[in-house]
Amino acid sequence: MQVTVNGDTVQLDPGSSLVDLLRQLHLADAKIAVELNHAIVPRSQYQEQALQDHDQLEIVHAIGGG
């Protein structure tokens, strides 16, 4: 199946979860925020959040500074 992440197409196995995608993108341990189809996904739901073909995701990295 295909999903779009920050405007780029990503191939995933059918039945993949959000955490599977994050692992594939090497972001599983990163400080990020995820929006799935225009709704923020709480980090506590990443494991059980199933993805569907043609889902739209935006992933934002937290950047520290000061």
C-alpha atoms as a PDB file:
ATOM      1  CA  MET A   1       0.000   0.000   0.000  1.00  0.00           C
ATOM      2  CA  GLN A   2       1.033   3.610  -0.439  1.00  0.00           C
ATOM      3  CA  VAL A   3       0.812   6.512   1.981  1.00  0.00           C
ATOM      4  CA  THR A   4       1.989  10.081   1.575  1.00  0.00           C
ATOM      5  CA  VAL A   5       4.411  11.441   4.173  1.00  0.00           C
ATOM      6  CA  ASN A   6       5.228  15.147   3.995  1.00  0.00           C
ATOM      7  CA  GLY A   7       4.382  15.083   0.286  1.00  0.00           C
ATOM      8  CA  ASP A   8       6.439  11.977  -0.555  1.00  0.00           C
ATOM      9  CA  THR A   9       5.003   8.554  -1.423  1.00  0.00           C
ATOM     10  CA  VAL A  10       6.046   5.728   0.904  1.00  0.00           C
ATOM     11  CA  GLN A  11       5.397   2.020   0.283  1.00  0.00           C
ATOM     12  CA  LEU A  12       4.195  -0.048   3.246  1.00  0.00           C
ATOM     13  CA  ASP A  13       3.080  -3.608   3.807  1.00  0.00           C
ATOM     14  CA  PRO A  14      -0.709  -3.984   4.063  1.00  0.00           C
ATOM     15  CA  GLY A  15      -1.841  -3.856   7.689  1.00  0.00           C
ATOM     16  CA  SER A  16       1.028  -1.600   8.776  1.00  0.00           C
ATOM     17  CA  SER A  17       0.604   0.597  11.818  1.00  0.00           C
ATOM     18  CA  LEU A  18       1.878   4.104  12.364  1.00  0.00           C
ATOM     19  CA  VAL A  19       4.744   2.758  14.469  1.00  0.00           C
ATOM     20  CA  ASP A  20       5.704   0.435  11.579  1.00  0.00           C
ATOM     21  CA  LEU A  21       5.956   3.472   9.318  1.00  0.00           C
ATOM     22  CA  LEU A  22       8.005   5.382  11.875  1.00  0.00           C
ATOM     23  CA  ARG A  23      10.402   2.448  12.203  1.00  0.00           C
ATOM     24  CA  GLN A  24      10.780   2.269   8.417  1.00  0.00           C
ATOM     25  CA  LEU A  25      11.590   5.984   8.365  1.00  0.00           C
ATOM     26  CA  HIS A  26      13.995   5.613  11.348  1.00  0.00           C
ATOM     27  CA  LEU A  27      11.826   7.956  13.441  1.00  0.00           C
ATOM     28  CA  ALA A  28      10.504   5.538  16.084  1.00  0.00           C
ATOM     29  CA  ASP A  29      12.490   7.199  18.888  1.00  0.00           C
ATOM     30  CA  ALA A  30      12.463  10.747  17.527  1.00  0.00           C
ATOM     31  CA  LYS A  31      10.681  13.667  19.158  1.00  0.00           C
ATOM     32  CA  ILE A  32       7.992  14.213  16.564  1.00  0.00           C
ATOM     33  CA  ALA A  33       4.347  15.077  16.109  1.00  0.00           C
ATOM     34  CA  VAL A  34       2.225  13.168  13.611  1.00  0.00           C
ATOM     35  CA  GLU A  35      -0.879  14.319  11.776  1.00  0.00           C
ATOM     36  CA  LEU A  36      -2.897  11.622  10.005  1.00  0.00           C
ATOM     37  CA  ASN A  37      -5.518  12.827   7.532  1.00  0.00           C
ATOM     38  CA  HIS A  38      -5.607  16.268   9.215  1.00  0.00           C
ATOM     39  CA  ALA A  39      -5.902  14.932  12.797  1.00  0.00           C
ATOM     40  CA  ILE A  40      -3.103  14.833  15.389  1.00  0.00           C
ATOM     41  CA  VAL A  41      -2.325  11.303  16.602  1.00  0.00           C
ATOM     42  CA  PRO A  42      -1.342  11.073  20.289  1.00  0.00           C
ATOM     43  CA  ARG A  43       1.966   9.265  20.803  1.00  0.00           C
ATOM     44  CA  SER A  44       0.169   6.737  23.021  1.00  0.00           C
ATOM     45  CA  GLN A  45      -1.813   5.592  19.952  1.00  0.00           C
ATOM     46  CA  TYR A  46       1.054   5.120  17.481  1.00  0.00           C
ATOM     47  CA  GLN A  47       1.230   1.341  18.039  1.00  0.00           C
ATOM     48  CA  GLU A  48      -2.467   0.648  17.450  1.00  0.00           C
ATOM     49  CA  GLN A  49      -3.068   3.292  14.764  1.00  0.00           C
ATOM     50  CA  ALA A  50      -3.622   1.303  11.573  1.00  0.00           C
ATOM     51  CA  LEU A  51      -2.755   2.936   8.268  1.00  0.00           C
ATOM     52  CA  GLN A  52      -4.801   2.648   5.083  1.00  0.00           C
ATOM     53  CA  ASP A  53      -3.855   2.919   1.439  1.00  0.00           C
ATOM     54  CA  HIS A  54      -3.592   6.591   0.388  1.00  0.00           C
ATOM     55  CA  ASP A  55      -3.481   8.010   3.940  1.00  0.00           C
ATOM     56  CA  GLN A  56      -1.915  11.464   4.186  1.00  0.00           C
ATOM     57  CA  LEU A  57       0.604  12.054   6.986  1.00  0.00           C
ATOM     58  CA  GLU A  58       2.572  15.068   8.104  1.00  0.00           C
ATOM     59  CA  ILE A  59       5.484  14.458  10.473  1.00  0.00           C
ATOM     60  CA  VAL A  60       7.076  17.381  12.277  1.00  0.00           C
ATOM     61  CA  HIS A  61      10.351  17.159  14.205  1.00  0.00           C
ATOM     62  CA  ALA A  62      10.703  18.994  17.507  1.00  0.00           C
ATOM     63  CA  ILE A  63      13.730  21.267  17.400  1.00  0.00           C
ATOM     64  CA  GLY A  64      15.256  22.650  20.573  1.00  0.00           C
ATOM     65  CA  GLY A  65      16.942  25.977  20.785  1.00  0.00           C
ATOM     66  CA  GLY A  66      17.237  29.018  22.841  1.00  0.00           C
END
